[in-house]
């Protein structure tokens, strides 16, 4: 398990129940720590090597799961009064590291498709999409080296 360096970010190992007729992939239960209510669930794809630029939600909690492919997530904490202000946290989710990444409000997040086919992301959010609660930034908003992959 990756050491989390940003206060409020959670990484929860998820179960995969193997079955000869098809596997079951756990996601989120209302009794889980990352559950903050339900607003919507949606899937998003990201192409190989594509990096989606920085954004932060000011109210929404994200619960991110990657059931297909491989996606590298990078988070940055620039909350003024946070004890982890200035810290980055990076984690790659896939079936090899099948976890739920919980990102609280006001944490910047950007991500990159690592898998060579379409990479599938599931977000189980506590709020419905509201474009007025999202702050967007360009990829160069923070000094981060994306050349690792």
N, C-alpha and C. Protein backbone atom coordinates (compact mmCIF):
# COMPACT_ATOMS: atom_id res chain seq x y z
N UNK A 1 0.85 -1.18 0.00
CA UNK A 1 0.00 0.00 0.00
C UNK A 1 0.89 1.24 0.00
N UNK A 2 0.53 2.23 -0.78
CA UNK A 2 1.29 3.46 -0.88
C UNK A 2 1.10 4.31 0.37
N UNK A 3 2.19 4.99 0.81
CA UNK A 3 2.10 5.88 1.97
C UNK A 3 1.46 7.19 1.52
N UNK A 4 0.37 7.55 2.15
CA UNK A 4 -0.38 8.75 1.77
C UNK A 4 0.25 9.96 2.44
N UNK A 5 0.54 10.98 1.64
CA UNK A 5 1.22 12.16 2.16
C UNK A 5 0.34 13.40 2.18
N UNK A 6 -0.97 13.25 1.97
CA UNK A 6 -1.89 14.38 2.00
C UNK A 6 -3.03 14.06 2.96
N UNK A 7 -3.23 14.94 3.92
CA UNK A 7 -4.28 14.75 4.92
C UNK A 7 -5.66 14.70 4.26
N UNK A 8 -6.44 13.68 4.60
CA UNK A 8 -7.79 13.52 4.09
C UNK A 8 -7.91 12.58 2.91
N UNK A 9 -6.81 12.33 2.20
CA UNK A 9 -6.83 11.40 1.08
C UNK A 9 -6.76 9.98 1.64
N UNK A 10 -7.59 9.10 1.13
CA UNK A 10 -7.62 7.71 1.60
C UNK A 10 -7.43 6.77 0.41
N UNK A 11 -6.73 5.68 0.67
CA UNK A 11 -6.55 4.62 -0.32
C UNK A 11 -7.02 3.33 0.34
N UNK A 12 -8.08 2.75 -0.20
CA UNK A 12 -8.71 1.58 0.41
C UNK A 12 -8.58 0.39 -0.53
N UNK A 13 -7.92 -0.67 -0.07
CA UNK A 13 -7.82 -1.90 -0.85
C UNK A 13 -9.22 -2.48 -1.03
N UNK A 14 -9.54 -2.89 -2.25
CA UNK A 14 -10.86 -3.43 -2.55
C UNK A 14 -10.77 -4.92 -2.88
N UNK A 15 -11.88 -5.61 -2.66
CA UNK A 15 -11.94 -7.05 -2.94
C UNK A 15 -12.32 -7.31 -4.39
N UNK A 16 -11.69 -8.33 -4.92
CA UNK A 16 -12.11 -8.92 -6.19
C UNK A 16 -12.49 -10.35 -5.87
N UNK A 17 -13.73 -10.68 -6.13
CA UNK A 17 -14.21 -12.04 -5.89
C UNK A 17 -14.20 -12.77 -7.23
N UNK A 18 -13.30 -13.72 -7.36
CA UNK A 18 -13.16 -14.45 -8.61
C UNK A 18 -14.23 -15.52 -8.72
N UNK A 19 -14.77 -15.63 -9.91
CA UNK A 19 -15.80 -16.62 -10.18
C UNK A 19 -15.63 -17.09 -11.62
N UNK A 20 -15.77 -18.40 -11.88
CA UNK A 20 -15.54 -18.91 -13.23
C UNK A 20 -16.48 -18.30 -14.28
N UNK A 21 -17.64 -17.80 -13.87
CA UNK A 21 -18.58 -17.21 -14.82
C UNK A 21 -18.39 -15.70 -14.95
N UNK A 22 -17.52 -15.13 -14.16
CA UNK A 22 -17.27 -13.68 -14.19
C UNK A 22 -17.00 -13.18 -12.79
N UNK A 23 -16.04 -12.29 -12.66
CA UNK A 23 -15.61 -11.81 -11.35
C UNK A 23 -16.48 -10.65 -10.85
N UNK A 24 -16.46 -10.44 -9.54
CA UNK A 24 -17.16 -9.33 -8.89
C UNK A 24 -16.10 -8.38 -8.34
N UNK A 25 -16.23 -7.10 -8.66
CA UNK A 25 -15.28 -6.08 -8.22
C UNK A 25 -15.99 -5.13 -7.25
N UNK A 26 -15.59 -5.16 -5.99
CA UNK A 26 -16.21 -4.26 -5.02
C UNK A 26 -15.83 -2.81 -5.34
N UNK A 27 -16.70 -1.88 -4.93
CA UNK A 27 -16.46 -0.46 -5.19
C UNK A 27 -16.61 0.38 -3.93
N UNK A 28 -17.84 0.55 -3.43
CA UNK A 28 -18.10 1.41 -2.29
C UNK A 28 -19.41 1.00 -1.63
N UNK A 29 -19.37 0.88 -0.30
CA UNK A 29 -20.57 0.62 0.49
C UNK A 29 -20.83 1.83 1.38
N UNK A 30 -22.08 2.06 1.75
CA UNK A 30 -22.37 3.21 2.59
C UNK A 30 -21.74 3.10 3.98
N UNK A 31 -21.28 1.92 4.37
CA UNK A 31 -20.61 1.75 5.66
C UNK A 31 -19.10 2.02 5.57
N UNK A 32 -18.57 2.29 4.35
CA UNK A 32 -17.14 2.55 4.17
C UNK A 32 -16.78 3.97 4.61
N UNK A 33 -15.54 4.13 5.08
CA UNK A 33 -15.06 5.44 5.52
C UNK A 33 -15.15 6.50 4.43
N UNK A 34 -14.88 6.14 3.19
CA UNK A 34 -14.90 7.11 2.09
C UNK A 34 -16.28 7.55 1.66
N UNK A 35 -17.32 6.89 2.15
CA UNK A 35 -18.68 7.23 1.76
C UNK A 35 -19.12 8.51 2.47
N UNK A 36 -19.44 9.53 1.70
CA UNK A 36 -19.88 10.82 2.24
C UNK A 36 -21.26 11.19 1.73
N UNK A 37 -22.01 10.21 1.24
CA UNK A 37 -23.30 10.44 0.63
C UNK A 37 -23.22 10.09 -0.84
N UNK A 38 -24.36 10.12 -1.51
CA UNK A 38 -24.38 9.78 -2.93
C UNK A 38 -24.99 10.90 -3.74
N UNK A 39 -24.27 11.32 -4.76
CA UNK A 39 -24.77 12.31 -5.70
C UNK A 39 -24.89 11.74 -7.09
N UNK A 40 -23.81 11.07 -7.54
CA UNK A 40 -23.83 10.44 -8.85
C UNK A 40 -22.63 9.51 -8.99
N UNK A 41 -22.76 8.60 -9.93
CA UNK A 41 -21.64 7.73 -10.32
C UNK A 41 -21.50 7.87 -11.82
N UNK A 42 -20.25 7.98 -12.27
CA UNK A 42 -20.03 8.06 -13.71
C UNK A 42 -18.71 7.40 -14.08
N UNK A 43 -18.64 6.95 -15.33
CA UNK A 43 -17.44 6.37 -15.89
C UNK A 43 -16.82 7.39 -16.84
N UNK A 44 -15.51 7.36 -16.92
CA UNK A 44 -14.76 8.22 -17.83
C UNK A 44 -13.61 7.40 -18.39
N UNK A 45 -13.26 7.64 -19.66
CA UNK A 45 -12.11 6.96 -20.23
C UNK A 45 -10.98 7.96 -20.42
N UNK A 46 -9.78 7.43 -20.43
CA UNK A 46 -8.60 8.25 -20.71
C UNK A 46 -7.67 7.42 -21.59
N UNK A 47 -7.22 8.02 -22.65
CA UNK A 47 -6.35 7.33 -23.62
C UNK A 47 -4.93 7.16 -23.06
N UNK A 48 -4.20 6.23 -23.65
CA UNK A 48 -2.81 5.95 -23.30
C UNK A 48 -1.96 7.22 -23.42
N UNK A 49 -1.21 7.51 -22.37
CA UNK A 49 -0.27 8.64 -22.27
C UNK A 49 -0.93 10.01 -22.14
N UNK A 50 -2.25 10.10 -22.27
CA UNK A 50 -2.93 11.38 -22.12
C UNK A 50 -2.94 11.78 -20.65
N UNK A 51 -2.72 13.07 -20.39
CA UNK A 51 -2.76 13.61 -19.03
C UNK A 51 -3.90 14.60 -18.95
N UNK A 52 -4.84 14.35 -18.06
CA UNK A 52 -5.93 15.31 -17.84
C UNK A 52 -5.44 16.34 -16.83
N UNK A 53 -5.59 17.64 -17.14
CA UNK A 53 -4.99 18.68 -16.30
C UNK A 53 -5.63 18.78 -14.92
N UNK A 54 -5.01 19.61 -14.10
CA UNK A 54 -5.40 19.79 -12.70
C UNK A 54 -6.83 20.31 -12.57
N UNK A 55 -7.52 19.78 -11.55
CA UNK A 55 -8.80 20.35 -11.14
C UNK A 55 -9.02 20.02 -9.68
N UNK A 56 -9.79 20.84 -9.03
CA UNK A 56 -10.20 20.54 -7.66
C UNK A 56 -11.67 20.87 -7.51
N UNK A 57 -12.31 20.08 -6.69
CA UNK A 57 -13.71 20.30 -6.35
C UNK A 57 -13.73 20.97 -4.99
N UNK A 58 -14.53 22.01 -4.86
CA UNK A 58 -14.56 22.74 -3.59
C UNK A 58 -15.57 22.16 -2.61
N UNK A 59 -16.49 21.31 -3.09
CA UNK A 59 -17.48 20.68 -2.21
C UNK A 59 -17.52 19.15 -2.34
N UNK A 60 -17.20 18.65 -3.52
CA UNK A 60 -17.38 17.23 -3.84
C UNK A 60 -16.25 16.36 -3.29
N UNK A 61 -16.62 15.19 -2.77
CA UNK A 61 -15.67 14.13 -2.44
C UNK A 61 -15.70 13.12 -3.57
N UNK A 62 -14.52 12.76 -4.09
CA UNK A 62 -14.40 11.80 -5.18
C UNK A 62 -14.06 10.43 -4.60
N UNK A 63 -14.59 9.38 -5.17
CA UNK A 63 -14.20 8.01 -4.88
C UNK A 63 -13.86 7.37 -6.21
N UNK A 64 -12.57 7.26 -6.51
CA UNK A 64 -12.08 6.87 -7.81
C UNK A 64 -11.63 5.41 -7.82
N UNK A 65 -12.09 4.67 -8.83
CA UNK A 65 -11.78 3.25 -8.97
C UNK A 65 -11.44 3.00 -10.44
N UNK A 66 -10.43 2.15 -10.69
CA UNK A 66 -10.02 1.82 -12.06
C UNK A 66 -10.21 0.32 -12.27
N UNK A 67 -11.35 -0.10 -12.88
CA UNK A 67 -11.60 -1.52 -13.11
C UNK A 67 -10.97 -2.04 -14.40
N UNK A 68 -10.61 -1.14 -15.32
CA UNK A 68 -10.02 -1.54 -16.59
C UNK A 68 -8.87 -0.59 -16.92
N UNK A 69 -7.72 -1.16 -17.24
CA UNK A 69 -6.57 -0.34 -17.60
C UNK A 69 -5.73 0.04 -16.40
N UNK A 70 -5.03 1.15 -16.53
CA UNK A 70 -4.11 1.61 -15.49
C UNK A 70 -4.04 3.13 -15.57
N UNK A 71 -4.30 3.80 -14.45
CA UNK A 71 -4.30 5.26 -14.41
C UNK A 71 -3.45 5.73 -13.25
N UNK A 72 -2.57 6.69 -13.54
CA UNK A 72 -1.74 7.32 -12.50
C UNK A 72 -2.43 8.60 -12.07
N UNK A 73 -2.66 8.71 -10.76
CA UNK A 73 -3.28 9.89 -10.16
C UNK A 73 -2.22 10.66 -9.39
N UNK A 74 -2.23 11.97 -9.53
CA UNK A 74 -1.35 12.83 -8.76
C UNK A 74 -2.23 13.86 -8.07
N UNK A 75 -2.06 13.99 -6.77
CA UNK A 75 -2.79 14.97 -5.99
C UNK A 75 -1.82 15.98 -5.41
N UNK A 76 -2.31 17.20 -5.22
CA UNK A 76 -1.51 18.25 -4.60
C UNK A 76 -2.37 19.00 -3.59
N UNK A 77 -1.80 19.22 -2.41
CA UNK A 77 -2.48 19.94 -1.34
C UNK A 77 -1.93 21.35 -1.27
N UNK A 78 -2.77 22.33 -1.59
CA UNK A 78 -2.35 23.72 -1.41
C UNK A 78 -3.32 24.46 -0.48
N UNK A 79 -4.01 23.69 0.39
CA UNK A 79 -4.90 24.31 1.37
C UNK A 79 -4.05 25.10 2.37
N UNK A 80 -4.40 26.36 2.58
CA UNK A 80 -3.59 27.25 3.40
C UNK A 80 -3.27 26.72 4.79
N UNK A 81 -4.25 26.24 5.50
CA UNK A 81 -4.05 25.82 6.89
C UNK A 81 -3.85 24.32 7.06
N UNK A 82 -3.52 23.64 5.98
CA UNK A 82 -3.35 22.19 6.04
C UNK A 82 -1.93 21.84 6.50
N UNK A 83 -1.84 20.83 7.33
CA UNK A 83 -0.51 20.37 7.78
C UNK A 83 0.27 19.69 6.67
N UNK A 84 -0.42 19.34 5.57
CA UNK A 84 0.28 18.73 4.43
C UNK A 84 0.35 19.69 3.23
N UNK A 85 0.20 20.98 3.49
CA UNK A 85 0.28 22.00 2.43
C UNK A 85 1.60 21.85 1.67
N UNK A 86 1.51 21.88 0.35
CA UNK A 86 2.70 21.77 -0.49
C UNK A 86 3.07 20.35 -0.87
N UNK A 87 2.39 19.36 -0.31
CA UNK A 87 2.72 17.95 -0.57
C UNK A 87 2.03 17.43 -1.82
N UNK A 88 2.71 16.51 -2.49
CA UNK A 88 2.14 15.75 -3.60
C UNK A 88 1.95 14.31 -3.13
N UNK A 89 0.99 13.62 -3.72
CA UNK A 89 0.81 12.19 -3.51
C UNK A 89 0.48 11.59 -4.86
N UNK A 90 1.17 10.52 -5.21
CA UNK A 90 0.95 9.84 -6.48
C UNK A 90 0.62 8.38 -6.22
N UNK A 91 -0.35 7.86 -6.97
CA UNK A 91 -0.69 6.45 -6.89
C UNK A 91 -1.21 6.00 -8.25
N UNK A 92 -0.88 4.77 -8.62
CA UNK A 92 -1.38 4.18 -9.85
C UNK A 92 -2.38 3.10 -9.48
N UNK A 93 -3.59 3.20 -10.04
CA UNK A 93 -4.63 2.22 -9.79
C UNK A 93 -4.85 1.37 -11.03
N UNK A 94 -5.10 0.08 -10.79
CA UNK A 94 -5.34 -0.89 -11.86
C UNK A 94 -5.85 -2.16 -11.18
N UNK A 95 -6.01 -3.23 -11.93
CA UNK A 95 -6.37 -4.50 -11.29
C UNK A 95 -5.23 -5.02 -10.43
N UNK A 96 -3.98 -4.64 -10.75
CA UNK A 96 -2.83 -5.05 -9.93
C UNK A 96 -2.82 -4.29 -8.60
N UNK A 97 -3.37 -3.11 -8.57
CA UNK A 97 -3.49 -2.30 -7.35
C UNK A 97 -4.94 -1.83 -7.28
N UNK A 98 -5.83 -2.80 -7.04
CA UNK A 98 -7.27 -2.53 -7.07
C UNK A 98 -7.69 -1.91 -5.75
N UNK A 99 -7.80 -0.59 -5.78
CA UNK A 99 -8.13 0.20 -4.59
C UNK A 99 -9.12 1.28 -4.97
N UNK A 100 -9.72 1.87 -3.94
CA UNK A 100 -10.56 3.06 -4.10
C UNK A 100 -9.77 4.24 -3.56
N UNK A 101 -9.64 5.27 -4.37
CA UNK A 101 -8.95 6.48 -3.97
C UNK A 101 -10.00 7.52 -3.60
N UNK A 102 -10.02 7.92 -2.34
CA UNK A 102 -10.97 8.93 -1.87
C UNK A 102 -10.24 10.26 -1.79
N UNK A 103 -10.76 11.25 -2.52
CA UNK A 103 -10.15 12.58 -2.57
C UNK A 103 -11.16 13.57 -2.00
N UNK A 104 -10.81 14.21 -0.87
CA UNK A 104 -11.73 15.17 -0.27
C UNK A 104 -11.76 16.48 -1.05
N UNK A 105 -12.71 17.35 -0.74
CA UNK A 105 -12.75 18.66 -1.40
C UNK A 105 -11.45 19.44 -1.19
N UNK A 106 -11.17 20.32 -2.15
CA UNK A 106 -10.04 21.26 -2.12
C UNK A 106 -8.66 20.63 -2.27
N UNK A 107 -8.61 19.41 -2.79
CA UNK A 107 -7.34 18.78 -3.15
C UNK A 107 -7.28 18.77 -4.68
N UNK A 108 -6.19 19.28 -5.22
CA UNK A 108 -6.00 19.27 -6.67
C UNK A 108 -5.69 17.85 -7.13
N UNK A 109 -6.24 17.45 -8.27
CA UNK A 109 -5.98 16.12 -8.81
C UNK A 109 -5.81 16.22 -10.34
N UNK A 110 -4.86 15.46 -10.83
CA UNK A 110 -4.61 15.33 -12.26
C UNK A 110 -4.32 13.85 -12.49
N UNK A 111 -4.56 13.36 -13.71
CA UNK A 111 -4.29 11.94 -13.92
C UNK A 111 -3.91 11.64 -15.35
N UNK A 112 -3.24 10.48 -15.50
CA UNK A 112 -2.66 10.07 -16.78
C UNK A 112 -3.03 8.63 -17.09
N UNK A 113 -3.41 8.38 -18.35
CA UNK A 113 -3.67 7.02 -18.81
C UNK A 113 -2.35 6.29 -19.01
N UNK A 114 -2.16 5.21 -18.30
CA UNK A 114 -0.93 4.43 -18.38
C UNK A 114 -1.14 3.17 -19.21
N UNK A 115 -2.30 2.54 -19.06
CA UNK A 115 -2.60 1.34 -19.83
C UNK A 115 -2.60 1.63 -21.32
N UNK A 116 -2.25 0.64 -22.13
CA UNK A 116 -2.07 0.86 -23.57
C UNK A 116 -3.38 0.89 -24.36
N UNK A 117 -4.49 0.53 -23.74
CA UNK A 117 -5.80 0.66 -24.38
C UNK A 117 -6.55 1.75 -23.63
N UNK A 118 -7.84 1.92 -23.93
CA UNK A 118 -8.63 2.87 -23.13
C UNK A 118 -8.59 2.44 -21.67
N UNK A 119 -8.44 3.41 -20.80
CA UNK A 119 -8.41 3.17 -19.36
C UNK A 119 -9.73 3.68 -18.79
N UNK A 120 -10.38 2.88 -17.96
CA UNK A 120 -11.71 3.22 -17.47
C UNK A 120 -11.65 3.63 -16.01
N UNK A 121 -12.25 4.77 -15.73
CA UNK A 121 -12.30 5.33 -14.38
C UNK A 121 -13.76 5.40 -13.94
N UNK A 122 -14.02 4.96 -12.73
CA UNK A 122 -15.33 5.11 -12.12
C UNK A 122 -15.19 6.11 -10.98
N UNK A 123 -16.04 7.13 -10.96
CA UNK A 123 -16.11 8.05 -9.84
C UNK A 123 -17.47 7.91 -9.19
N UNK A 124 -17.47 7.62 -7.89
CA UNK A 124 -18.70 7.61 -7.10
C UNK A 124 -18.62 8.85 -6.22
N UNK A 125 -19.34 9.89 -6.63
CA UNK A 125 -19.24 11.19 -5.98
C UNK A 125 -20.40 11.40 -5.01
N UNK A 126 -20.12 12.22 -3.99
CA UNK A 126 -21.16 12.49 -3.00
C UNK A 126 -22.15 13.56 -3.46
N UNK A 127 -21.83 14.29 -4.52
CA UNK A 127 -22.70 15.34 -5.05
C UNK A 127 -22.91 15.15 -6.54
N UNK A 128 -24.01 15.66 -7.06
CA UNK A 128 -24.20 15.69 -8.50
C UNK A 128 -23.24 16.71 -9.09
N UNK A 129 -22.88 16.49 -10.36
CA UNK A 129 -21.97 17.40 -11.04
C UNK A 129 -22.51 18.83 -11.01
N UNK A 130 -21.66 19.76 -10.63
CA UNK A 130 -21.98 21.18 -10.62
C UNK A 130 -20.75 21.93 -11.12
N UNK A 131 -20.80 22.47 -12.35
CA UNK A 131 -19.61 23.13 -12.91
C UNK A 131 -19.16 24.34 -12.09
N UNK A 132 -20.01 24.86 -11.24
CA UNK A 132 -19.66 26.03 -10.43
C UNK A 132 -18.82 25.68 -9.21
N UNK A 133 -18.67 24.38 -8.89
CA UNK A 133 -17.87 24.02 -7.72
C UNK A 133 -16.52 23.41 -8.12
N UNK A 134 -16.17 23.52 -9.39
CA UNK A 134 -14.90 23.00 -9.90
C UNK A 134 -13.97 24.16 -10.22
N UNK A 135 -12.71 24.03 -9.80
CA UNK A 135 -11.67 24.98 -10.19
C UNK A 135 -10.72 24.21 -11.10
N UNK A 136 -10.42 24.77 -12.26
CA UNK A 136 -9.56 24.09 -13.23
C UNK A 136 -8.24 24.83 -13.38
N UNK A 137 -7.18 24.05 -13.63
CA UNK A 137 -5.87 24.63 -13.85
C UNK A 137 -5.16 23.92 -14.98
N UNK A 138 -4.21 24.59 -15.58
CA UNK A 138 -3.42 23.98 -16.65
C UNK A 138 -2.44 22.97 -16.06
N UNK A 139 -1.88 22.14 -16.90
CA UNK A 139 -0.96 21.10 -16.45
C UNK A 139 0.28 21.67 -15.76
N UNK A 140 0.70 22.87 -16.17
CA UNK A 140 1.89 23.49 -15.56
C UNK A 140 1.56 24.32 -14.31
N UNK A 141 0.35 24.18 -13.77
CA UNK A 141 -0.04 24.91 -12.56
C UNK A 141 0.90 24.62 -11.40
N UNK A 142 1.34 23.36 -11.29
CA UNK A 142 2.28 22.95 -10.24
C UNK A 142 3.49 22.30 -10.90
N UNK A 143 4.64 22.47 -10.28
CA UNK A 143 5.87 21.89 -10.80
C UNK A 143 5.87 20.40 -10.50
N UNK A 144 5.45 19.60 -11.48
CA UNK A 144 5.41 18.15 -11.30
C UNK A 144 5.97 17.50 -12.56
N UNK A 145 6.82 16.50 -12.39
CA UNK A 145 7.45 15.83 -13.52
C UNK A 145 6.58 14.67 -13.99
N UNK A 146 5.94 14.85 -15.14
CA UNK A 146 5.07 13.84 -15.71
C UNK A 146 5.81 12.89 -16.65
N UNK A 147 7.12 13.03 -16.77
CA UNK A 147 7.86 12.23 -17.76
C UNK A 147 8.23 10.83 -17.27
N UNK A 148 7.81 10.46 -16.09
CA UNK A 148 8.16 9.16 -15.52
C UNK A 148 7.68 8.03 -16.42
N UNK A 149 6.49 8.13 -16.99
CA UNK A 149 5.93 7.07 -17.85
C UNK A 149 6.16 7.39 -19.28
